[in-house]
Amino acid sequence: MPHSKFLNLLMDGETLFKNEEVFDPSYLPEEFIFRNSQMKALAMCIKPAMRSSRALNTLLYGSSATGKTTAIKTVFNELENTENVECCYVNCRVTKTMYSLFAKIYENVTGRQAPETGTSFSTLYEKILKKIKNKVLIIAFDDFDFLERNKEKVLSTLLRTHEMYPVKISVWLVSKNNNILFDTSVRSMFSPEEIHFPDYTKEEIKSILKNRIKLGLYPNCMENGSFEKILNFTMENDLRRGIELIKKSALNAETEGARSIREEHVHGDVEKTIEDILKKESPIESSLLFEKFRTATKQSYSQYCRNILNMNVNGKLIIENQGRTRIISLNTSGNI
């Protein structure tokens, strides 16, 4: 290999990433920008808890990837070492049944794994209440729209607990809209403070993406044309997918041994391409899916594997092994 060509390749151990974690969905930014009014509203909601009174019930609503989850986790992190205040975060995309919801609450407040499902609900709930006796408990149900059933029963159980036990429980719900339908009694008990998270403007998205690039990549890795392509993709989709695309584009560049992210490394609709293929032919052998993928995207096998892995982790695929053959199908159950 010519020496000049060799210099253009990334050596073993070299990377474009300064801090890859800033592109992960679980990353909490140190500076949560463009959401000052929402954070002030949440501060008002928890102020009573700082005086050992019940925090206000709250509904955080807005489109996907507008900062609702980040706001809650930021507040809960701040309250982590606050005496007599317990915080519990539950993702209703993952935890959907009434028992599993309260098992998650149990794990949060006790720091121990919940008892087996053979334990009755009343026994499990009694254990929770003993642990939080005379404390303030704030429970956040993220993606509450995904709760399969018993929405009203869950809220009624929690919001009526103070009638029988010396506990102070408040509920925060995260939803895409503010018109969740409850019966009259539950609506009266819940009576939340509503905090709207509007869509980010283009300038705000541009600033957030640039900040993540500054924190996560080494200087001058992102070419201007590539950034504009990512920005346009983000505007057509959402901020979460835009941040994820920065990471994927950097990985694509690394795979080719490039020292900067060029426009050809930015493939924003790759997962959609895979989904479109699977909608027409599912289930399908992995090797055949790759051939169709390569024809449509001109991407390599390693890039194909990376996208399949990411989609599988996010619950979008069902992968089965039949001998040495992998069979891939689209997960249409909605459990993602």
C-alpha atoms as a PDB file:
ATOM      1  CA  MET A   1       0.000   0.000   0.000  1.00  0.00           C
ATOM      2  CA  PRO A   2       1.451   3.426  -0.944  1.00  0.00           C
ATOM      3  CA  HIS A   3       2.592   5.445   2.025  1.00  0.00           C
ATOM      4  CA  SER A   4       0.300   8.423   1.168  1.00  0.00           C
ATOM      5  CA  LYS A   5      -2.717   6.120   1.056  1.00  0.00           C
ATOM      6  CA  PHE A   6      -1.699   4.577   4.345  1.00  0.00           C
ATOM      7  CA  LEU A   7      -1.642   8.011   5.995  1.00  0.00           C
ATOM      8  CA  ASN A   8      -5.280   8.521   5.062  1.00  0.00           C
ATOM      9  CA  LEU A   9      -6.368   5.499   7.048  1.00  0.00           C
ATOM     10  CA  LEU A  10      -7.162   5.566  10.737  1.00  0.00           C
ATOM     11  CA  MET A  11      -4.558   3.622  12.686  1.00  0.00           C
ATOM     12  CA  ASP A  12      -5.711   0.929  15.114  1.00  0.00           C
ATOM     13  CA  GLY A  13      -7.108   2.629  18.193  1.00  0.00           C
ATOM     14  CA  GLU A  14      -7.620   5.992  16.465  1.00  0.00           C
ATOM     15  CA  THR A  15     -11.094   7.451  16.502  1.00  0.00           C
ATOM     16  CA  LEU A  16     -13.091  10.502  15.513  1.00  0.00           C
ATOM     17  CA  PHE A  17     -14.865  10.398  18.882  1.00  0.00           C
ATOM     18  CA  LYS A  18     -13.720  12.519  21.790  1.00  0.00           C
ATOM     19  CA  ASN A  19     -16.656  11.362  23.941  1.00  0.00           C
ATOM     20  CA  GLU A  20     -18.996   8.910  22.237  1.00  0.00           C
ATOM     21  CA  GLU A  21     -21.422   8.896  25.179  1.00  0.00           C
ATOM     22  CA  VAL A  22     -22.795  12.367  24.323  1.00  0.00           C
ATOM     23  CA  PHE A  23     -24.594  10.783  21.353  1.00  0.00           C
ATOM     24  CA  ASP A  24     -26.339   8.112  23.438  1.00  0.00           C
ATOM     25  CA  PRO A  25     -30.092   8.495  24.172  1.00  0.00           C
ATOM     26  CA  SER A  26     -29.393   8.242  27.917  1.00  0.00           C
ATOM     27  CA  TYR A  27     -26.912  11.141  27.934  1.00  0.00           C
ATOM     28  CA  LEU A  28     -27.878  14.093  30.126  1.00  0.00           C
ATOM     29  CA  PRO A  29     -26.301  17.365  28.986  1.00  0.00           C
ATOM     30  CA  GLU A  30     -24.649  19.471  31.666  1.00  0.00           C
ATOM     31  CA  GLU A  31     -26.273  22.527  30.114  1.00  0.00           C
ATOM     32  CA  PHE A  32     -29.927  21.943  29.207  1.00  0.00           C
ATOM     33  CA  ILE A  33     -30.454  24.809  26.774  1.00  0.00           C
ATOM     34  CA  PHE A  34     -33.673  26.347  25.394  1.00  0.00           C
ATOM     35  CA  ARG A  35     -35.831  24.909  28.162  1.00  0.00           C
ATOM     36  CA  ASN A  36     -35.466  27.492  30.948  1.00  0.00           C
ATOM     37  CA  SER A  37     -39.185  28.207  31.302  1.00  0.00           C
ATOM     38  CA  GLN A  38     -40.032  24.514  31.495  1.00  0.00           C
ATOM     39  CA  MET A  39     -37.366  23.891  34.141  1.00  0.00           C
ATOM     40  CA  LYS A  40     -38.652  26.843  36.175  1.00  0.00           C
ATOM     41  CA  ALA A  41     -42.163  25.385  35.997  1.00  0.00           C
ATOM     42  CA  LEU A  42     -40.870  21.990  37.197  1.00  0.00           C
ATOM     43  CA  ALA A  43     -39.002  23.710  40.025  1.00  0.00           C
ATOM     44  CA  MET A  44     -42.306  25.220  41.159  1.00  0.00           C
ATOM     45  CA  CYS A  45     -43.893  21.757  41.074  1.00  0.00           C
ATOM     46  CA  ILE A  46     -41.246  20.228  43.355  1.00  0.00           C
ATOM     47  CA  LYS A  47     -40.950  23.199  45.717  1.00  0.00           C
ATOM     48  CA  PRO A  48     -43.531  21.788  48.173  1.00  0.00           C
ATOM     49  CA  ALA A  49     -41.495  18.550  48.354  1.00  0.00           C
ATOM     50  CA  MET A  50     -38.519  20.509  49.651  1.00  0.00           C
ATOM     51  CA  ARG A  51     -40.740  21.441  52.623  1.00  0.00           C
ATOM     52  CA  SER A  52     -41.796  17.791  53.083  1.00  0.00           C
ATOM     53  CA  SER A  53     -45.174  18.382  51.445  1.00  0.00           C
ATOM     54  CA  ARG A  54     -46.540  16.579  48.420  1.00  0.00           C
ATOM     55  CA  ALA A  55     -45.160  17.788  45.097  1.00  0.00           C
ATOM     56  CA  LEU A  56     -47.642  18.943  42.475  1.00  0.00           C
ATOM     57  CA  ASN A  57     -49.012  16.454  39.961  1.00  0.00           C
ATOM     58  CA  THR A  58     -47.679  17.399  36.549  1.00  0.00           C
ATOM     59  CA  LEU A  59     -48.310  16.696  32.877  1.00  0.00           C
ATOM     60  CA  LEU A  60     -45.382  17.285  30.534  1.00  0.00           C
ATOM     61  CA  TYR A  61     -46.518  17.233  26.924  1.00  0.00           C
ATOM     62  CA  GLY A  62     -45.126  17.890  23.469  1.00  0.00           C
ATOM     63  CA  SER A  63     -43.799  16.144  20.367  1.00  0.00           C
ATOM     64  CA  SER A  64     -41.095  13.470  20.484  1.00  0.00           C
ATOM     65  CA  ALA A  65     -37.535  14.601  21.267  1.00  0.00           C
ATOM     66  CA  THR A  66     -38.460  17.996  22.711  1.00  0.00           C
ATOM     67  CA  GLY A  67     -36.688  17.537  26.056  1.00  0.00           C
ATOM     68  CA  LYS A  68     -39.424  16.106  28.297  1.00  0.00           C
ATOM     69  CA  THR A  69     -37.458  13.045  29.427  1.00  0.00           C
ATOM     70  CA  THR A  70     -34.241  15.041  29.798  1.00  0.00           C
ATOM     71  CA  ALA A  71     -36.069  17.584  31.974  1.00  0.00           C
ATOM     72  CA  ILE A  72     -37.392  14.908  34.326  1.00  0.00           C
ATOM     73  CA  LYS A  73     -34.088  13.071  34.627  1.00  0.00           C
ATOM     74  CA  THR A  74     -32.238  16.344  35.224  1.00  0.00           C
ATOM     75  CA  VAL A  75     -34.619  17.244  38.059  1.00  0.00           C
ATOM     76  CA  PHE A  76     -34.466  13.751  39.550  1.00  0.00           C
ATOM     77  CA  ASN A  77     -30.656  13.831  39.486  1.00  0.00           C
ATOM     78  CA  GLU A  78     -30.752  17.115  41.401  1.00  0.00           C
ATOM     79  CA  LEU A  79     -33.053  15.557  44.014  1.00  0.00           C
ATOM     80  CA  GLU A  80     -31.047  12.339  44.350  1.00  0.00           C
ATOM     81  CA  ASN A  81     -29.479  13.210  47.710  1.00  0.00           C
ATOM     82  CA  THR A  82     -32.427  15.175  49.089  1.00  0.00           C
ATOM     83  CA  GLU A  83     -33.557  13.833  52.431  1.00  0.00           C
ATOM     84  CA  ASN A  84     -37.133  12.492  52.595  1.00  0.00           C
ATOM     85  CA  VAL A  85     -37.717  12.816  48.827  1.00  0.00           C
ATOM     86  CA  GLU A  86     -37.789   9.705  46.628  1.00  0.00           C
ATOM     87  CA  CYS A  87     -37.993   9.884  42.832  1.00  0.00           C
ATOM     88  CA  CYS A  88     -38.985   7.094  40.495  1.00  0.00           C
ATOM     89  CA  TYR A  89     -38.782   7.095  36.687  1.00  0.00           C
ATOM     90  CA  VAL A  90     -40.792   4.504  34.726  1.00  0.00           C
ATOM     91  CA  ASN A  91     -40.702   4.085  30.944  1.00  0.00           C
ATOM     92  CA  CYS A  92     -44.155   2.879  29.852  1.00  0.00           C
ATOM     93  CA  ARG A  93     -42.839   1.789  26.450  1.00  0.00           C
ATOM     94  CA  VAL A  94     -40.991  -0.975  28.301  1.00  0.00           C
ATOM     95  CA  THR A  95     -43.035  -1.387  31.478  1.00  0.00           C
ATOM     96  CA  LYS A  96     -46.693  -1.724  30.522  1.00  0.00           C
ATOM     97  CA  THR A  97     -48.652  -3.855  32.987  1.00  0.00           C
ATOM     98  CA  MET A  98     -49.852  -2.707  36.389  1.00  0.00           C
ATOM     99  CA  TYR A  99     -47.751  -5.273  38.275  1.00  0.00           C
ATOM    100  CA  SER A 100     -44.585  -4.476  36.320  1.00  0.00           C
ATOM    101  CA  LEU A 101     -45.112  -0.741  36.907  1.00  0.00           C
ATOM    102  CA  PHE A 102     -45.264  -1.211  40.654  1.00  0.00           C
ATOM    103  CA  ALA A 103     -42.383  -3.685  40.532  1.00  0.00           C
ATOM    104  CA  LYS A 104     -40.327  -0.921  38.915  1.00  0.00           C
ATOM    105  CA  ILE A 105     -41.402   1.507  41.652  1.00  0.00           C
ATOM    106  CA  TYR A 106     -40.390  -1.081  44.258  1.00  0.00           C
ATOM    107  CA  GLU A 107     -36.931  -1.451  42.695  1.00  0.00           C
ATOM    108  CA  ASN A 108     -36.481   2.321  42.613  1.00  0.00           C
ATOM    109  CA  VAL A 109     -37.403   2.985  46.230  1.00  0.00           C
ATOM    110  CA  THR A 110     -35.752  -0.093  47.776  1.00  0.00           C
ATOM    111  CA  GLY A 111     -32.715  -0.566  45.530  1.00  0.00           C
ATOM    112  CA  ARG A 112     -33.566  -4.283  45.361  1.00  0.00           C
ATOM    113  CA  GLN A 113     -35.022  -6.490  42.678  1.00  0.00           C
ATOM    114  CA  ALA A 114     -38.790  -6.875  42.928  1.00  0.00           C
ATOM    115  CA  PRO A 115     -40.200 -10.160  44.246  1.00  0.00           C
ATOM    116  CA  GLU A 116     -41.251 -12.814  41.753  1.00  0.00           C
ATOM    117  CA  THR A 117     -44.594 -12.378  40.025  1.00  0.00           C
ATOM    118  CA  GLY A 118     -46.065 -14.933  42.441  1.00  0.00           C
ATOM    119  CA  THR A 119     -46.137 -12.163  45.046  1.00  0.00           C
ATOM    120  CA  SER A 120     -49.549 -10.518  45.201  1.00  0.00           C
ATOM    121  CA  PHE A 121     -49.963  -6.931  44.127  1.00  0.00           C
ATOM    122  CA  SER A 122     -51.192  -5.882  47.586  1.00  0.00           C
ATOM    123  CA  THR A 123     -48.088  -7.404  49.217  1.00  0.00           C
ATOM    124  CA  LEU A 124     -45.794  -5.656  46.756  1.00  0.00           C
ATOM    125  CA  TYR A 125     -47.511  -2.315  47.266  1.00  0.00           C
ATOM    126  CA  GLU A 126     -47.412  -2.672  51.043  1.00  0.00           C
ATOM    127  CA  LYS A 127     -43.636  -3.165  50.847  1.00  0.00           C
ATOM    128  CA  ILE A 128     -43.364   0.042  48.802  1.00  0.00           C
ATOM    129  CA  LEU A 129     -45.464   2.015  51.262  1.00  0.00           C
ATOM    130  CA  LYS A 130     -43.436   0.841  54.261  1.00  0.00           C
ATOM    131  CA  LYS A 131     -40.272   2.021  52.537  1.00  0.00           C
ATOM    132  CA  ILE A 132     -41.622   5.507  51.771  1.00  0.00           C
ATOM    133  CA  LYS A 133     -43.533   6.057  55.025  1.00  0.00           C
ATOM    134  CA  ASN A 134     -43.470   9.767  55.935  1.00  0.00           C
ATOM    135  CA  LYS A 135     -41.545  10.525  52.746  1.00  0.00           C
ATOM    136  CA  VAL A 136     -42.394  12.405  49.554  1.00  0.00           C
ATOM    137  CA  LEU A 137     -42.505  10.195  46.460  1.00  0.00           C
ATOM    138  CA  ILE A 138     -42.538  11.602  42.903  1.00  0.00           C
ATOM    139  CA  ILE A 139     -43.289   9.031  40.200  1.00  0.00           C
ATOM    140  CA  ALA A 140     -42.745   9.942  36.528  1.00  0.00           C
ATOM    141  CA  PHE A 141     -44.439   7.787  33.908  1.00  0.00           C
ATOM    142  CA  ASP A 142     -42.680   8.483  30.608  1.00  0.00           C
ATOM    143  CA  ASP A 143     -44.544   7.723  27.363  1.00  0.00           C
ATOM    144  CA  PHE A 144     -47.717   7.226  29.379  1.00  0.00           C
ATOM    145  CA  ASP A 145     -49.640   6.837  26.093  1.00  0.00           C
ATOM    146  CA  PHE A 146     -48.038   3.388  25.700  1.00  0.00           C
ATOM    147  CA  LEU A 147     -49.551   1.986  28.893  1.00  0.00           C
ATOM    148  CA  GLU A 148     -51.674  -0.885  27.622  1.00  0.00           C
ATOM    149  CA  ARG A 149     -54.483  -0.798  30.163  1.00  0.00           C
ATOM    150  CA  ASN A 150     -55.369   0.160  33.740  1.00  0.00           C
ATOM    151  CA  LYS A 151     -54.236   3.768  33.241  1.00  0.00           C
ATOM    152  CA  GLU A 152     -56.979   5.057  35.511  1.00  0.00           C
ATOM    153  CA  LYS A 153     -56.482   2.263  38.048  1.00  0.00           C
ATOM    154  CA  VAL A 154     -52.763   3.015  38.300  1.00  0.00           C
ATOM    155  CA  LEU A 155     -53.387   6.707  38.939  1.00  0.00           C
ATOM    156  CA  SER A 156     -56.305   6.100  41.300  1.00  0.00           C
ATOM    157  CA  THR A 157     -54.259   3.629  43.364  1.00  0.00           C
ATOM    158  CA  LEU A 158     -51.369   6.059  43.737  1.00  0.00           C
ATOM    159  CA  LEU A 159     -53.364   9.243  44.270  1.00  0.00           C
ATOM    160  CA  ARG A 160     -55.678   7.732  46.889  1.00  0.00           C
ATOM    161  CA  THR A 161     -52.911   6.126  48.936  1.00  0.00           C
ATOM    162  CA  HIS A 162     -52.678   9.080  51.332  1.00  0.00           C
ATOM    163  CA  GLU A 163     -56.188   8.270  52.549  1.00  0.00           C
ATOM    164  CA  MET A 164     -54.877   5.077  54.188  1.00  0.00           C
ATOM    165  CA  TYR A 165     -51.126   5.565  54.659  1.00  0.00           C
ATOM    166  CA  PRO A 166     -48.919   8.454  55.829  1.00  0.00           C
ATOM    167  CA  VAL A 167     -47.293   8.946  52.430  1.00  0.00           C
ATOM    168  CA  LYS A 168     -47.166  11.874  49.992  1.00  0.00           C
ATOM    169  CA  ILE A 169     -47.236  10.680  46.398  1.00  0.00           C
ATOM    170  CA  SER A 170     -47.347  12.859  43.298  1.00  0.00           C
ATOM    171  CA  VAL A 171     -47.489  11.691  39.694  1.00  0.00           C
ATOM    172  CA  TRP A 172     -45.805  13.193  36.641  1.00  0.00           C
ATOM    173  CA  LEU A 173     -47.029  12.035  33.251  1.00  0.00           C
ATOM    174  CA  VAL A 174     -45.195  12.448  29.938  1.00  0.00           C
ATOM    175  CA  SER A 175     -47.391  12.459  26.856  1.00  0.00           C
ATOM    176  CA  LYS A 176     -47.475  13.772  23.310  1.00  0.00           C
ATOM    177  CA  ASN A 177     -50.659  15.727  24.043  1.00  0.00           C
ATOM    178  CA  ASN A 178     -52.559  17.245  26.936  1.00  0.00           C
ATOM    179  CA  ASN A 179     -55.942  15.654  26.312  1.00  0.00           C
ATOM    180  CA  ILE A 180     -55.495  12.288  28.014  1.00  0.00           C
ATOM    181  CA  LEU A 181     -58.982  10.992  28.785  1.00  0.00           C
ATOM    182  CA  PHE A 182     -59.765  10.001  32.367  1.00  0.00           C
ATOM    183  CA  ASP A 183     -63.041   9.564  34.161  1.00  0.00           C
ATOM    184  CA  THR A 184     -64.264  12.437  36.301  1.00  0.00           C
ATOM    185  CA  SER A 185     -62.971  11.131  39.643  1.00  0.00           C
ATOM    186  CA  VAL A 186     -59.432  10.446  38.372  1.00  0.00           C
ATOM    187  CA  ARG A 187     -59.307  13.757  36.532  1.00  0.00           C
ATOM    188  CA  SER A 188     -60.313  15.535  39.747  1.00  0.00           C
ATOM    189  CA  MET A 189     -57.660  13.737  41.816  1.00  0.00           C
ATOM    190  CA  PHE A 190     -54.907  14.218  39.251  1.00  0.00           C
ATOM    191  CA  SER A 191     -55.574  17.880  38.369  1.00  0.00           C
ATOM    192  CA  PRO A 192     -52.038  18.443  37.041  1.00  0.00           C
ATOM    193  CA  GLU A 193     -49.896  21.427  36.304  1.00  0.00           C
ATOM    194  CA  GLU A 194     -49.432  21.376  32.535  1.00  0.00           C
ATOM    195  CA  ILE A 195     -46.006  22.108  31.059  1.00  0.00           C
ATOM    196  CA  HIS A 196     -45.725  22.345  27.288  1.00  0.00           C
ATOM    197  CA  PHE A 197     -42.495  21.475  25.467  1.00  0.00           C
ATOM    198  CA  PRO A 198     -42.788  23.081  22.005  1.00  0.00           C
ATOM    199  CA  ASP A 199     -40.849  21.863  18.992  1.00  0.00           C
ATOM    200  CA  TYR A 200     -37.337  23.251  18.775  1.00  0.00           C
ATOM    201  CA  THR A 201     -36.784  25.894  16.099  1.00  0.00           C
ATOM    202  CA  LYS A 202     -34.252  25.305  13.326  1.00  0.00           C
ATOM    203  CA  GLU A 203     -31.753  27.645  14.991  1.00  0.00           C
ATOM    204  CA  GLU A 204     -32.172  25.852  18.326  1.00  0.00           C
ATOM    205  CA  ILE A 205     -31.667  22.451  16.694  1.00  0.00           C
ATOM    206  CA  LYS A 206     -28.617  23.773  14.868  1.00  0.00           C
ATOM    207  CA  SER A 207     -27.141  25.012  18.152  1.00  0.00           C
ATOM    208  CA  ILE A 208     -27.849  21.727  19.983  1.00  0.00           C
ATOM    209  CA  LEU A 209     -26.320  19.620  17.203  1.00  0.00           C
ATOM    210  CA  LYS A 210     -23.206  21.807  17.058  1.00  0.00           C
ATOM    211  CA  ASN A 211     -22.835  21.576  20.820  1.00  0.00           C
ATOM    212  CA  ARG A 212     -23.014  17.765  20.724  1.00  0.00           C
ATOM    213  CA  ILE A 213     -20.446  17.684  17.928  1.00  0.00           C
ATOM    214  CA  LYS A 214     -18.150  19.953  19.937  1.00  0.00           C
ATOM    215  CA  LEU A 215     -18.460  17.721  23.010  1.00  0.00           C
ATOM    216  CA  GLY A 216     -18.375  14.370  21.229  1.00  0.00           C
ATOM    217  CA  LEU A 217     -16.051  14.667  18.227  1.00  0.00           C
ATOM    218  CA  TYR A 218     -12.527  15.915  17.741  1.00  0.00           C
ATOM    219  CA  PRO A 219     -12.209  19.365  16.110  1.00  0.00           C
ATOM    220  CA  ASN A 220     -12.706  19.704  12.345  1.00  0.00           C
ATOM    221  CA  CYS A 221     -14.103  16.178  11.946  1.00  0.00           C
ATOM    222  CA  MET A 222     -17.467  17.323  10.593  1.00  0.00           C
ATOM    223  CA  GLU A 223     -17.446  18.873   7.124  1.00  0.00           C
ATOM    224  CA  ASN A 224     -19.902  21.715   6.484  1.00  0.00           C
ATOM    225  CA  GLY A 225     -21.851  19.864   3.810  1.00  0.00           C
ATOM    226  CA  SER A 226     -22.232  16.864   6.102  1.00  0.00           C
ATOM    227  CA  PHE A 227     -23.529  19.026   8.919  1.00  0.00           C
ATOM    228  CA  GLU A 228     -26.110  20.663   6.654  1.00  0.00           C
ATOM    229  CA  LYS A 229     -27.262  17.223   5.540  1.00  0.00           C
ATOM    230  CA  ILE A 230     -27.652  16.114   9.168  1.00  0.00           C
ATOM    231  CA  LEU A 231     -29.444  19.359  10.054  1.00  0.00           C
ATOM    232  CA  ASN A 232     -31.943  18.920   7.215  1.00  0.00           C
ATOM    233  CA  PHE A 233     -32.545  15.301   8.207  1.00  0.00           C
ATOM    234  CA  THR A 234     -33.165  16.387  11.809  1.00  0.00           C
ATOM    235  CA  MET A 235     -35.696  19.000  10.728  1.00  0.00           C
ATOM    236  CA  GLU A 236     -37.571  16.336   8.761  1.00  0.00           C
ATOM    237  CA  ASN A 237     -37.497  13.880  11.675  1.00  0.00           C
ATOM    238  CA  ASP A 238     -36.580  14.834  15.242  1.00  0.00           C
ATOM    239  CA  LEU A 239     -33.613  15.833  17.390  1.00  0.00           C
ATOM    240  CA  ARG A 240     -33.054  12.364  18.814  1.00  0.00           C
ATOM    241  CA  ARG A 241     -32.640  10.865  15.352  1.00  0.00           C
ATOM    242  CA  GLY A 242     -30.418  13.768  14.309  1.00  0.00           C
ATOM    243  CA  ILE A 243     -28.027  13.194  17.218  1.00  0.00           C
ATOM    244  CA  GLU A 244     -28.020   9.485  16.450  1.00  0.00           C
ATOM    245  CA  LEU A 245     -27.177  10.279  12.813  1.00  0.00           C
ATOM    246  CA  ILE A 246     -24.071  12.214  13.887  1.00  0.00           C
ATOM    247  CA  LYS A 247     -22.815   9.083  15.639  1.00  0.00           C
ATOM    248  CA  LYS A 248     -23.656   6.789  12.727  1.00  0.00           C
ATOM    249  CA  SER A 249     -21.978   9.119  10.248  1.00  0.00           C
ATOM    250  CA  ALA A 250     -18.810   9.222  12.358  1.00  0.00           C
ATOM    251  CA  LEU A 251     -18.801   5.430  12.557  1.00  0.00           C
ATOM    252  CA  ASN A 252     -19.258   5.213   8.775  1.00  0.00           C
ATOM    253  CA  ALA A 253     -16.261   7.509   8.340  1.00  0.00           C
ATOM    254  CA  GLU A 254     -14.174   5.427  10.744  1.00  0.00           C
ATOM    255  CA  THR A 255     -15.107   2.235   8.888  1.00  0.00           C
ATOM    256  CA  GLU A 256     -13.615   3.707   5.719  1.00  0.00           C
ATOM    257  CA  GLY A 257     -10.554   5.024   7.573  1.00  0.00           C
ATOM    258  CA  ALA A 258     -11.510   8.641   6.846  1.00  0.00           C
ATOM    259  CA  ARG A 259     -10.290  11.496   9.023  1.00  0.00           C
ATOM    260  CA  SER A 260     -13.403  13.614   8.501  1.00  0.00           C
ATOM    261  CA  ILE A 261     -17.116  13.011   7.996  1.00  0.00           C
ATOM    262  CA  ARG A 262     -17.960  13.616   4.352  1.00  0.00           C
ATOM    263  CA  GLU A 263     -21.427  13.838   2.840  1.00  0.00           C
ATOM    264  CA  GLU A 264     -21.250  10.261   1.559  1.00  0.00           C
ATOM    265  CA  HIS A 265     -20.895   9.087   5.174  1.00  0.00           C
ATOM    266  CA  VAL A 266     -24.283  10.587   6.127  1.00  0.00           C
ATOM    267  CA  HIS A 267     -27.038   8.059   5.479  1.00  0.00           C
ATOM    268  CA  GLY A 268     -30.091   9.392   7.273  1.00  0.00           C
ATOM    269  CA  ASP A 269     -32.707   7.078   5.822  1.00  0.00           C
ATOM    270  CA  VAL A 270     -30.839   3.767   6.034  1.00  0.00           C
ATOM    271  CA  GLU A 271     -33.099   2.264   8.713  1.00  0.00           C
ATOM    272  CA  LYS A 272     -36.141   3.368   6.753  1.00  0.00           C
ATOM    273  CA  THR A 273     -34.701   1.569   3.717  1.00  0.00           C
ATOM    274  CA  ILE A 274     -34.400  -1.634   5.746  1.00  0.00           C
ATOM    275  CA  GLU A 275     -37.925  -1.183   7.077  1.00  0.00           C
ATOM    276  CA  ASP A 276     -39.285  -0.661   3.547  1.00  0.00           C
ATOM    277  CA  ILE A 277     -37.609  -3.868   2.348  1.00  0.00           C
ATOM    278  CA  LEU A 278     -38.990  -5.833   5.298  1.00  0.00           C
ATOM    279  CA  LYS A 279     -42.488  -4.443   4.767  1.00  0.00           C
ATOM    280  CA  LYS A 280     -42.426  -6.057   1.322  1.00  0.00           C
ATOM    281  CA  GLU A 281     -40.524  -9.240   2.251  1.00  0.00           C
ATOM    282  CA  SER A 282     -40.665 -10.365   5.850  1.00  0.00           C
ATOM    283  CA  PRO A 283     -39.393 -12.717   7.147  1.00  0.00           C
ATOM    284  CA  ILE A 284     -36.258 -12.811   4.995  1.00  0.00           C
ATOM    285  CA  GLU A 285     -32.803 -14.383   5.232  1.00  0.00           C
ATOM    286  CA  SER A 286     -30.162 -11.940   6.439  1.00  0.00           C
ATOM    287  CA  SER A 287     -27.934 -12.554   3.414  1.00  0.00           C
ATOM    288  CA  LEU A 288     -30.759 -11.730   1.009  1.00  0.00           C
ATOM    289  CA  LEU A 289     -31.713  -8.663   3.033  1.00  0.00           C
ATOM    290  CA  PHE A 290     -28.097  -7.462   2.832  1.00  0.00           C
ATOM    291  CA  GLU A 291     -28.039  -7.817  -0.957  1.00  0.00           C
ATOM    292  CA  LYS A 292     -31.182  -5.719  -1.271  1.00  0.00           C
ATOM    293  CA  PHE A 293     -29.780  -3.249   1.273  1.00  0.00           C
ATOM    294  CA  ARG A 294     -26.471  -2.915  -0.637  1.00  0.00           C
ATOM    295  CA  THR A 295     -28.276  -2.396  -3.932  1.00  0.00           C
ATOM    296  CA  ALA A 296     -30.392   0.391  -2.431  1.00  0.00           C
ATOM    297  CA  THR A 297     -27.735   2.165  -0.340  1.00  0.00           C
ATOM    298  CA  LYS A 298     -24.301   1.161  -1.751  1.00  0.00           C
ATOM    299  CA  GLN A 299     -23.191   0.576   1.850  1.00  0.00           C
ATOM    300  CA  SER A 300     -20.854  -2.139   3.123  1.00  0.00           C
ATOM    301  CA  TYR A 301     -21.645  -5.281   5.102  1.00  0.00           C
ATOM    302  CA  SER A 302     -20.225  -3.794   8.313  1.00  0.00           C
ATOM    303  CA  GLN A 303     -22.531  -0.782   7.917  1.00  0.00           C
ATOM    304  CA  TYR A 304     -25.437  -3.159   7.302  1.00  0.00           C
ATOM    305  CA  CYS A 305     -24.617  -5.102  10.478  1.00  0.00           C
ATOM    306  CA  ARG A 306     -24.358  -1.908  12.504  1.00  0.00           C
ATOM    307  CA  ASN A 307     -27.827  -0.780  11.402  1.00  0.00           C
ATOM    308  CA  ILE A 308     -29.361  -4.219  11.996  1.00  0.00           C
ATOM    309  CA  LEU A 309     -27.845  -4.289  15.493  1.00  0.00           C
ATOM    310  CA  ASN A 310     -29.162  -0.817  16.276  1.00  0.00           C
ATOM    311  CA  MET A 311     -32.667  -1.641  15.005  1.00  0.00           C
ATOM    312  CA  ASN A 312     -32.689  -4.884  16.974  1.00  0.00           C
ATOM    313  CA  VAL A 313     -31.614  -3.153  20.193  1.00  0.00           C
ATOM    314  CA  ASN A 314     -34.439  -0.642  19.685  1.00  0.00           C
ATOM    315  CA  GLY A 315     -36.984  -3.440  19.305  1.00  0.00           C
ATOM    316  CA  LYS A 316     -37.717  -2.809  15.628  1.00  0.00           C
ATOM    317  CA  LEU A 317     -36.699  -6.291  14.442  1.00  0.00           C
ATOM    318  CA  ILE A 318     -37.275  -9.945  15.277  1.00  0.00           C
ATOM    319  CA  ILE A 319     -34.174 -12.059  14.573  1.00  0.00           C
ATOM    320  CA  GLU A 320     -34.302 -15.865  14.682  1.00  0.00           C
ATOM    321  CA  ASN A 321     -31.515 -18.360  14.085  1.00  0.00           C
ATOM    322  CA  GLN A 322     -32.350 -21.377  11.947  1.00  0.00           C
ATOM    323  CA  GLY A 323     -29.148 -23.383  11.957  1.00  0.00           C
ATOM    324  CA  ARG A 324     -26.514 -21.091  10.475  1.00  0.00           C
ATOM    325  CA  THR A 325     -29.115 -18.893   8.829  1.00  0.00           C
ATOM    326  CA  ARG A 326     -30.465 -15.730  10.420  1.00  0.00           C
ATOM    327  CA  ILE A 327     -34.090 -14.917   9.630  1.00  0.00           C
ATOM    328  CA  ILE A 328     -35.081 -11.268  10.052  1.00  0.00           C
ATOM    329  CA  SER A 329     -38.569  -9.837  10.209  1.00  0.00           C
ATOM    330  CA  LEU A 330     -40.091  -6.500  11.142  1.00  0.00           C
ATOM    331  CA  ASN A 331     -41.518  -6.238  14.648  1.00  0.00           C
ATOM    332  CA  THR A 332     -45.087  -5.091  14.082  1.00  0.00           C
ATOM    333  CA  SER A 333     -46.293  -5.669  17.642  1.00  0.00           C
ATOM    334  CA  GLY A 334     -45.744  -2.023  18.636  1.00  0.00           C
ATOM    335  CA  ASN A 335     -43.626  -3.082  21.636  1.00  0.00           C
ATOM    336  CA  ILE A 336     -40.757  -0.717  20.888  1.00  0.00           C
END
